[in-house]
Amino acid sequence: MIWDSRISLGFVCSGNHDEFTHRTFEIPGSGGFLLAERTPKHQELYEEGKEAEFFASAEECASKIEFYLRNEEPRAGSRRPP
C-alpha cells in the first residue's frame, strides 16, 4: 500500500509529545514518499527536501501535497524500490 501511494502522510500525537511513529521508518523503508509533521526527531533522522518532506501546518501540508502530486521527479528522488 505504501509503495502504491504517491504520498504517505506521517502524523504524530502531540498530546503524547511524540516526535516520530512507526510510520516514520516504515514509509521510507518500504520505498514510499514520506510527508510528515516537522519535529526535531524527524529533522534529525531525515534531510528535509531530499530524504523526506515535512510540514508545520495544514496549509503547508496541503501546499506540499499539491506541489508533489504535480512534480513526480522531486518526489521520486526520495523513493527507493523495496
PDB file of N, CA and C in Angstrom:
ATOM      1  N   MET A   1       0.813  -1.180   0.000  1.00  0.00           N
ATOM      2  CA  MET A   1       0.000   0.000   0.000  1.00  0.00           C
ATOM      3  C   MET A   1       0.871   1.265   0.000  1.00  0.00           C
ATOM      4  N   ILE A   2       1.944   1.271   0.770  1.00  0.00           N
ATOM      5  CA  ILE A   2       2.828   2.439   0.816  1.00  0.00           C
ATOM      6  C   ILE A   2       3.464   2.673  -0.542  1.00  0.00           C
ATOM      7  N   TRP A   3       3.960   1.614  -1.182  1.00  0.00           N
ATOM      8  CA  TRP A   3       4.630   1.754  -2.469  1.00  0.00           C
ATOM      9  C   TRP A   3       3.667   2.259  -3.533  1.00  0.00           C
ATOM     10  N   ASP A   4       2.397   1.859  -3.480  1.00  0.00           N
ATOM     11  CA  ASP A   4       1.414   2.285  -4.467  1.00  0.00           C
ATOM     12  C   ASP A   4       0.915   3.710  -4.234  1.00  0.00           C
ATOM     13  N   SER A   5       1.155   4.263  -3.067  1.00  0.00           N
ATOM     14  CA  SER A   5       0.724   5.629  -2.765  1.00  0.00           C
ATOM     15  C   SER A   5       1.756   6.618  -3.274  1.00  0.00           C
ATOM     16  N   ARG A   6       1.299   7.697  -3.863  1.00  0.00           N
ATOM     17  CA  ARG A   6       2.246   8.699  -4.349  1.00  0.00           C
ATOM     18  C   ARG A   6       2.815   9.512  -3.189  1.00  0.00           C
ATOM     19  N   ILE A   7       2.026   9.717  -2.139  1.00  0.00           N
ATOM     20  CA  ILE A   7       2.468  10.433  -0.946  1.00  0.00           C
ATOM     21  C   ILE A   7       1.897   9.718   0.269  1.00  0.00           C
ATOM     22  N   SER A   8       2.720   9.476   1.270  1.00  0.00           N
ATOM     23  CA  SER A   8       2.253   8.893   2.528  1.00  0.00           C
ATOM     24  C   SER A   8       2.473   9.914   3.635  1.00  0.00           C
ATOM     25  N   LEU A   9       1.401  10.211   4.362  1.00  0.00           N
ATOM     26  CA  LEU A   9       1.464  11.213   5.425  1.00  0.00           C
ATOM     27  C   LEU A   9       1.873  10.583   6.743  1.00  0.00           C
ATOM     28  N   GLY A  10       2.681  11.298   7.483  1.00  0.00           N
ATOM     29  CA  GLY A  10       3.119  10.844   8.801  1.00  0.00           C
ATOM     30  C   GLY A  10       2.729  11.868   9.856  1.00  0.00           C
ATOM     31  N   PHE A  11       1.771  11.503  10.694  1.00  0.00           N
ATOM     32  CA  PHE A  11       1.323  12.380  11.774  1.00  0.00           C
ATOM     33  C   PHE A  11       1.826  11.843  13.102  1.00  0.00           C
ATOM     34  N   VAL A  12       2.081  12.739  14.036  1.00  0.00           N
ATOM     35  CA  VAL A  12       2.476  12.346  15.382  1.00  0.00           C
ATOM     36  C   VAL A  12       1.387  12.785  16.352  1.00  0.00           C
ATOM     37  N   CYS A  13       1.368  12.190  17.517  1.00  0.00           N
ATOM     38  CA  CYS A  13       0.388  12.536  18.543  1.00  0.00           C
ATOM     39  C   CYS A  13       0.998  13.602  19.452  1.00  0.00           C
ATOM     40  N   SER A  14       0.613  14.850  19.221  1.00  0.00           N
ATOM     41  CA  SER A  14       1.191  15.931  20.017  1.00  0.00           C
ATOM     42  C   SER A  14       0.758  15.853  21.477  1.00  0.00           C
ATOM     43  N   GLY A  15      -0.404  15.245  21.749  1.00  0.00           N
ATOM     44  CA  GLY A  15      -0.861  15.084  23.129  1.00  0.00           C
ATOM     45  C   GLY A  15       0.072  14.203  23.942  1.00  0.00           C
ATOM     46  N   ASN A  16       0.751  13.276  23.263  1.00  0.00           N
ATOM     47  CA  ASN A  16       1.732  12.405  23.922  1.00  0.00           C
ATOM     48  C   ASN A  16       3.143  12.943  23.784  1.00  0.00           C
ATOM     49  N   HIS A  17       3.283  14.098  23.145  1.00  0.00           N
ATOM     50  CA  HIS A  17       4.594  14.715  22.887  1.00  0.00           C
ATOM     51  C   HIS A  17       5.467  13.825  22.009  1.00  0.00           C
ATOM     52  N   ASP A  18       4.824  13.060  21.097  1.00  0.00           N
ATOM     53  CA  ASP A  18       5.576  12.210  20.172  1.00  0.00           C
ATOM     54  C   ASP A  18       6.303  13.060  19.144  1.00  0.00           C
ATOM     55  N   GLU A  19       7.471  12.591  18.740  1.00  0.00           N
ATOM     56  CA  GLU A  19       8.234  13.240  17.681  1.00  0.00           C
ATOM     57  C   GLU A  19       8.404  12.332  16.474  1.00  0.00           C
ATOM     58  N   PHE A  20       7.995  11.072  16.603  1.00  0.00           N
ATOM     59  CA  PHE A  20       8.039  10.127  15.493  1.00  0.00           C
ATOM     60  C   PHE A  20       7.101   8.968  15.810  1.00  0.00           C
ATOM     61  N   THR A  21       6.799   8.168  14.787  1.00  0.00           N
ATOM     62  CA  THR A  21       5.962   6.974  14.944  1.00  0.00           C
ATOM     63  C   THR A  21       6.614   5.835  14.157  1.00  0.00           C
ATOM     64  N   HIS A  22       5.990   4.681  14.191  1.00  0.00           N
ATOM     65  CA  HIS A  22       6.494   3.563  13.384  1.00  0.00           C
ATOM     66  C   HIS A  22       6.494   3.924  11.899  1.00  0.00           C
ATOM     67  N   ARG A  23       5.494   4.694  11.476  1.00  0.00           N
ATOM     68  CA  ARG A  23       5.409   5.089  10.064  1.00  0.00           C
ATOM     69  C   ARG A  23       6.601   5.949   9.637  1.00  0.00           C
ATOM     70  N   THR A  24       7.220   6.623  10.583  1.00  0.00           N
ATOM     71  CA  THR A  24       8.419   7.409  10.290  1.00  0.00           C
ATOM     72  C   THR A  24       9.471   6.536   9.622  1.00  0.00           C
ATOM     73  N   PHE A  25       9.532   5.286  10.010  1.00  0.00           N
ATOM     74  CA  PHE A  25      10.515   4.351   9.471  1.00  0.00           C
ATOM     75  C   PHE A  25       9.914   3.442   8.395  1.00  0.00           C
ATOM     76  N   GLU A  26       8.644   3.064   8.560  1.00  0.00           N
ATOM     77  CA  GLU A  26       8.000   2.140   7.628  1.00  0.00           C
ATOM     78  C   GLU A  26       7.845   2.734   6.231  1.00  0.00           C
ATOM     79  N   ILE A  27       7.471   3.996   6.148  1.00  0.00           N
ATOM     80  CA  ILE A  27       7.227   4.606   4.839  1.00  0.00           C
ATOM     81  C   ILE A  27       8.510   4.664   4.008  1.00  0.00           C
ATOM     82  N   PRO A  28       9.571   5.309   4.486  1.00  0.00           N
ATOM     83  CA  PRO A  28      10.803   5.317   3.683  1.00  0.00           C
ATOM     84  C   PRO A  28      11.401   3.917   3.513  1.00  0.00           C
ATOM     85  N   GLY A  29      11.284   3.086   4.548  1.00  0.00           N
ATOM     86  CA  GLY A  29      11.822   1.729   4.474  1.00  0.00           C
ATOM     87  C   GLY A  29      11.120   0.866   3.443  1.00  0.00           C
ATOM     88  N   SER A  30       9.883   1.221   3.105  1.00  0.00           N
ATOM     89  CA  SER A  30       9.113   0.492   2.087  1.00  0.00           C
ATOM     90  C   SER A  30       9.211   1.160   0.726  1.00  0.00           C
ATOM     91  N   GLY A  31      10.029   2.194   0.626  1.00  0.00           N
ATOM     92  CA  GLY A  31      10.194   2.882  -0.650  1.00  0.00           C
ATOM     93  C   GLY A  31       9.167   3.962  -0.901  1.00  0.00           C
ATOM     94  N   GLY A  32       8.436   4.366   0.130  1.00  0.00           N
ATOM     95  CA  GLY A  32       7.412   5.399  -0.038  1.00  0.00           C
ATOM     96  C   GLY A  32       7.952   6.796   0.167  1.00  0.00           C
ATOM     97  N   PHE A  33       7.154   7.779  -0.252  1.00  0.00           N
ATOM     98  CA  PHE A  33       7.495   9.184  -0.078  1.00  0.00           C
ATOM     99  C   PHE A  33       6.861   9.672   1.214  1.00  0.00           C
ATOM    100  N   LEU A  34       7.669  10.069   2.179  1.00  0.00           N
ATOM    101  CA  LEU A  34       7.205  10.495   3.498  1.00  0.00           C
ATOM    102  C   LEU A  34       7.008  12.001   3.546  1.00  0.00           C
ATOM    103  N   LEU A  35       5.784  12.416   3.817  1.00  0.00           N
ATOM    104  CA  LEU A  35       5.451  13.813   4.105  1.00  0.00           C
ATOM    105  C   LEU A  35       4.923  13.817   5.528  1.00  0.00           C
ATOM    106  N   ALA A  36       5.743  14.273   6.459  1.00  0.00           N
ATOM    107  CA  ALA A  36       5.430  14.145   7.880  1.00  0.00           C
ATOM    108  C   ALA A  36       5.452  15.489   8.592  1.00  0.00           C
ATOM    109  N   GLU A  37       4.845  15.491   9.761  1.00  0.00           N
ATOM    110  CA  GLU A  37       4.899  16.689  10.593  1.00  0.00           C
ATOM    111  C   GLU A  37       6.361  16.992  10.931  1.00  0.00           C
ATOM    112  N   ARG A  38       6.699  18.270  10.897  1.00  0.00           N
ATOM    113  CA  ARG A  38       8.070  18.688  11.201  1.00  0.00           C
ATOM    114  C   ARG A  38       8.278  18.624  12.716  1.00  0.00           C
ATOM    115  N   THR A  39       9.161  17.729  13.133  1.00  0.00           N
ATOM    116  CA  THR A  39       9.531  17.598  14.544  1.00  0.00           C
ATOM    117  C   THR A  39      11.059  17.569  14.621  1.00  0.00           C
ATOM    118  N   PRO A  40      11.615  17.873  15.775  1.00  0.00           N
ATOM    119  CA  PRO A  40      13.079  17.788  15.893  1.00  0.00           C
ATOM    120  C   PRO A  40      13.617  16.396  15.535  1.00  0.00           C
ATOM    121  N   LYS A  41      12.913  15.355  15.929  1.00  0.00           N
ATOM    122  CA  LYS A  41      13.393  13.996  15.641  1.00  0.00           C
ATOM    123  C   LYS A  41      13.325  13.684  14.155  1.00  0.00           C
ATOM    124  N   HIS A  42      12.221  14.076  13.488  1.00  0.00           N
ATOM    125  CA  HIS A  42      12.131  13.865  12.040  1.00  0.00           C
ATOM    126  C   HIS A  42      13.278  14.586  11.337  1.00  0.00           C
ATOM    127  N   GLN A  43      13.568  15.804  11.772  1.00  0.00           N
ATOM    128  CA  GLN A  43      14.644  16.569  11.156  1.00  0.00           C
ATOM    129  C   GLN A  43      16.014  15.979  11.455  1.00  0.00           C
ATOM    130  N   GLU A  44      16.143  15.307  12.569  1.00  0.00           N
ATOM    131  CA  GLU A  44      17.396  14.626  12.909  1.00  0.00           C
ATOM    132  C   GLU A  44      17.581  13.373  12.048  1.00  0.00           C
ATOM    133  N   LEU A  45      16.481  12.665  11.776  1.00  0.00           N
ATOM    134  CA  LEU A  45      16.546  11.403  11.051  1.00  0.00           C
ATOM    135  C   LEU A  45      16.694  11.553   9.542  1.00  0.00           C
ATOM    136  N   TYR A  46      16.056  12.592   8.969  1.00  0.00           N
ATOM    137  CA  TYR A  46      15.996  12.732   7.513  1.00  0.00           C
ATOM    138  C   TYR A  46      16.374  14.135   7.077  1.00  0.00           C
ATOM    139  N   GLU A  47      17.018  14.222   5.942  1.00  0.00           N
ATOM    140  CA  GLU A  47      17.331  15.520   5.355  1.00  0.00           C
ATOM    141  C   GLU A  47      16.089  16.030   4.627  1.00  0.00           C
ATOM    142  N   GLU A  48      15.566  17.142   5.117  1.00  0.00           N
ATOM    143  CA  GLU A  48      14.339  17.704   4.551  1.00  0.00           C
ATOM    144  C   GLU A  48      14.552  18.112   3.097  1.00  0.00           C
ATOM    145  N   GLY A  49      13.588  17.734   2.258  1.00  0.00           N
ATOM    146  CA  GLY A  49      13.660  18.064   0.843  1.00  0.00           C
ATOM    147  C   GLY A  49      14.454  17.066   0.022  1.00  0.00           C
ATOM    148  N   LYS A  50      15.139  16.144   0.697  1.00  0.00           N
ATOM    149  CA  LYS A  50      15.930  15.143  -0.021  1.00  0.00           C
ATOM    150  C   LYS A  50      15.471  13.732   0.334  1.00  0.00           C
ATOM    151  N   GLU A  51      15.432  13.415   1.627  1.00  0.00           N
ATOM    152  CA  GLU A  51      15.054  12.068   2.064  1.00  0.00           C
ATOM    153  C   GLU A  51      13.594  11.994   2.492  1.00  0.00           C
ATOM    154  N   ALA A  52      13.034  13.112   2.877  1.00  0.00           N
ATOM    155  CA  ALA A  52      11.640  13.207   3.306  1.00  0.00           C
ATOM    156  C   ALA A  52      11.237  14.675   3.210  1.00  0.00           C
ATOM    157  N   GLU A  53       9.963  14.928   3.369  1.00  0.00           N
ATOM    158  CA  GLU A  53       9.464  16.307   3.350  1.00  0.00           C
ATOM    159  C   GLU A  53       8.626  16.503   4.594  1.00  0.00           C
ATOM    160  N   PHE A  54       8.645  17.723   5.141  1.00  0.00           N
ATOM    161  CA  PHE A  54       7.951  17.994   6.397  1.00  0.00           C
ATOM    162  C   PHE A  54       7.020  19.186   6.271  1.00  0.00           C
ATOM    163  N   PHE A  55       6.072  19.265   7.195  1.00  0.00           N
ATOM    164  CA  PHE A  55       5.144  20.390   7.254  1.00  0.00           C
ATOM    165  C   PHE A  55       4.891  20.755   8.708  1.00  0.00           C
ATOM    166  N   ALA A  56       4.516  22.033   8.931  1.00  0.00           N
ATOM    167  CA  ALA A  56       4.246  22.516  10.283  1.00  0.00           C
ATOM    168  C   ALA A  56       2.806  22.982  10.458  1.00  0.00           C
ATOM    169  N   SER A  57       2.049  23.014   9.358  1.00  0.00           N
ATOM    170  CA  SER A  57       0.656  23.450   9.431  1.00  0.00           C
ATOM    171  C   SER A  57      -0.151  22.736   8.359  1.00  0.00           C
ATOM    172  N   ALA A  58      -1.469  22.784   8.499  1.00  0.00           N
ATOM    173  CA  ALA A  58      -2.346  22.172   7.492  1.00  0.00           C
ATOM    174  C   ALA A  58      -2.150  22.842   6.135  1.00  0.00           C
ATOM    175  N   GLU A  59      -1.937  24.150   6.153  1.00  0.00           N
ATOM    176  CA  GLU A  59      -1.736  24.884   4.902  1.00  0.00           C
ATOM    177  C   GLU A  59      -0.436  24.460   4.208  1.00  0.00           C
ATOM    178  N   GLU A  60       0.631  24.315   4.987  1.00  0.00           N
ATOM    179  CA  GLU A  60       1.901  23.878   4.412  1.00  0.00           C
ATOM    180  C   GLU A  60       1.793  22.453   3.890  1.00  0.00           C
ATOM    181  N   CYS A  61       1.079  21.593   4.614  1.00  0.00           N
ATOM    182  CA  CYS A  61       0.867  20.210   4.178  1.00  0.00           C
ATOM    183  C   CYS A  61       0.129  20.191   2.843  1.00  0.00           C
ATOM    184  N   ALA A  62      -0.973  20.935   2.747  1.00  0.00           N
ATOM    185  CA  ALA A  62      -1.762  20.982   1.512  1.00  0.00           C
ATOM    186  C   ALA A  62      -0.934  21.518   0.351  1.00  0.00           C
ATOM    187  N   SER A  63      -0.148  22.553   0.604  1.00  0.00           N
ATOM    188  CA  SER A  63       0.686  23.138  -0.437  1.00  0.00           C
ATOM    189  C   SER A  63       1.714  22.126  -0.944  1.00  0.00           C
ATOM    190  N   LYS A  64       2.325  21.389  -0.028  1.00  0.00           N
ATOM    191  CA  LYS A  64       3.329  20.396  -0.432  1.00  0.00           C
ATOM    192  C   LYS A  64       2.686  19.212  -1.143  1.00  0.00           C
ATOM    193  N   ILE A  65       1.503  18.818  -0.723  1.00  0.00           N
ATOM    194  CA  ILE A  65       0.786  17.748  -1.430  1.00  0.00           C
ATOM    195  C   ILE A  65       0.519  18.179  -2.865  1.00  0.00           C
ATOM    196  N   GLU A  66      -0.004  19.377  -3.047  1.00  0.00           N
ATOM    197  CA  GLU A  66      -0.277  19.885  -4.402  1.00  0.00           C
ATOM    198  C   GLU A  66       0.999  19.917  -5.235  1.00  0.00           C
ATOM    199  N   PHE A  67       2.090  20.422  -4.668  1.00  0.00           N
ATOM    200  CA  PHE A  67       3.358  20.504  -5.396  1.00  0.00           C
ATOM    201  C   PHE A  67       3.845  19.115  -5.802  1.00  0.00           C
ATOM    202  N   TYR A  68       3.911  18.202  -4.851  1.00  0.00           N
ATOM    203  CA  TYR A  68       4.489  16.890  -5.139  1.00  0.00           C
ATOM    204  C   TYR A  68       3.589  16.013  -6.006  1.00  0.00           C
ATOM    205  N   LEU A  69       2.296  16.226  -5.993  1.00  0.00           N
ATOM    206  CA  LEU A  69       1.435  15.484  -6.911  1.00  0.00           C
ATOM    207  C   LEU A  69       1.647  15.947  -8.351  1.00  0.00           C
ATOM    208  N   ARG A  70       1.998  17.213  -8.528  1.00  0.00           N
ATOM    209  CA  ARG A  70       2.247  17.757  -9.873  1.00  0.00           C
ATOM    210  C   ARG A  70       3.685  17.553 -10.329  1.00  0.00           C
ATOM    211  N   ASN A  71       4.578  17.212  -9.416  1.00  0.00           N
ATOM    212  CA  ASN A  71       6.003  17.115  -9.733  1.00  0.00           C
ATOM    213  C   ASN A  71       6.556  15.767  -9.301  1.00  0.00           C
ATOM    214  N   GLU A  72       6.523  14.831 -10.204  1.00  0.00           N
ATOM    215  CA  GLU A  72       6.967  13.460  -9.920  1.00  0.00           C
ATOM    216  C   GLU A  72       8.466  13.384  -9.628  1.00  0.00           C
ATOM    217  N   GLU A  73       9.269  14.120 -10.372  1.00  0.00           N
ATOM    218  CA  GLU A  73      10.724  13.968 -10.257  1.00  0.00           C
ATOM    219  C   GLU A  73      11.267  14.227  -8.853  1.00  0.00           C
ATOM    220  N   PRO A  74      10.938  15.349  -8.198  1.00  0.00           N
ATOM    221  CA  PRO A  74      11.487  15.533  -6.842  1.00  0.00           C
ATOM    222  C   PRO A  74      10.935  14.522  -5.845  1.00  0.00           C
ATOM    223  N   ARG A  75       9.703  14.081  -6.044  1.00  0.00           N
ATOM    224  CA  ARG A  75       9.112  13.078  -5.159  1.00  0.00           C
ATOM    225  C   ARG A  75       9.785  11.728  -5.375  1.00  0.00           C
ATOM    226  N   ALA A  76      10.031  11.389  -6.605  1.00  0.00           N
ATOM    227  CA  ALA A  76      10.646  10.097  -6.920  1.00  0.00           C
ATOM    228  C   ALA A  76      12.080  10.021  -6.431  1.00  0.00           C
ATOM    229  N   GLY A  77      12.753  11.150  -6.275  1.00  0.00           N
ATOM    230  CA  GLY A  77      14.136  11.156  -5.822  1.00  0.00           C
ATOM    231  C   GLY A  77      14.310  10.592  -4.426  1.00  0.00           C
ATOM    232  N   SER A  78      13.266  10.674  -3.607  1.00  0.00           N
ATOM    233  CA  SER A  78      13.376  10.162  -2.242  1.00  0.00           C
ATOM    234  C   SER A  78      12.884   8.725  -2.118  1.00  0.00           C
ATOM    235  N   ARG A  79      12.309   8.197  -3.200  1.00  0.00           N
ATOM    236  CA  ARG A  79      11.761   6.839  -3.149  1.00  0.00           C
ATOM    237  C   ARG A  79      12.794   5.828  -3.611  1.00  0.00           C
ATOM    238  N   ARG A  80      12.840   4.731  -2.915  1.00  0.00           N
ATOM    239  CA  ARG A  80      13.718   3.639  -3.303  1.00  0.00           C
ATOM    240  C   ARG A  80      12.857   2.389  -3.435  1.00  0.00           C
ATOM    241  N   PRO A  81      13.097   1.597  -4.451  1.00  0.00           N
ATOM    242  CA  PRO A  81      12.316   0.363  -4.581  1.00  0.00           C
ATOM    243  C   PRO A  81      12.476  -0.514  -3.345  1.00  0.00           C
ATOM    244  N   PRO A  82      11.415  -1.210  -2.946  1.00  0.00           N
ATOM    245  CA  PRO A  82      11.514  -2.080  -1.770  1.00  0.00           C
ATOM    246  C   PRO A  82      12.442  -3.255  -2.010  1.00  0.00           C
TER     247      PRO A  82
END
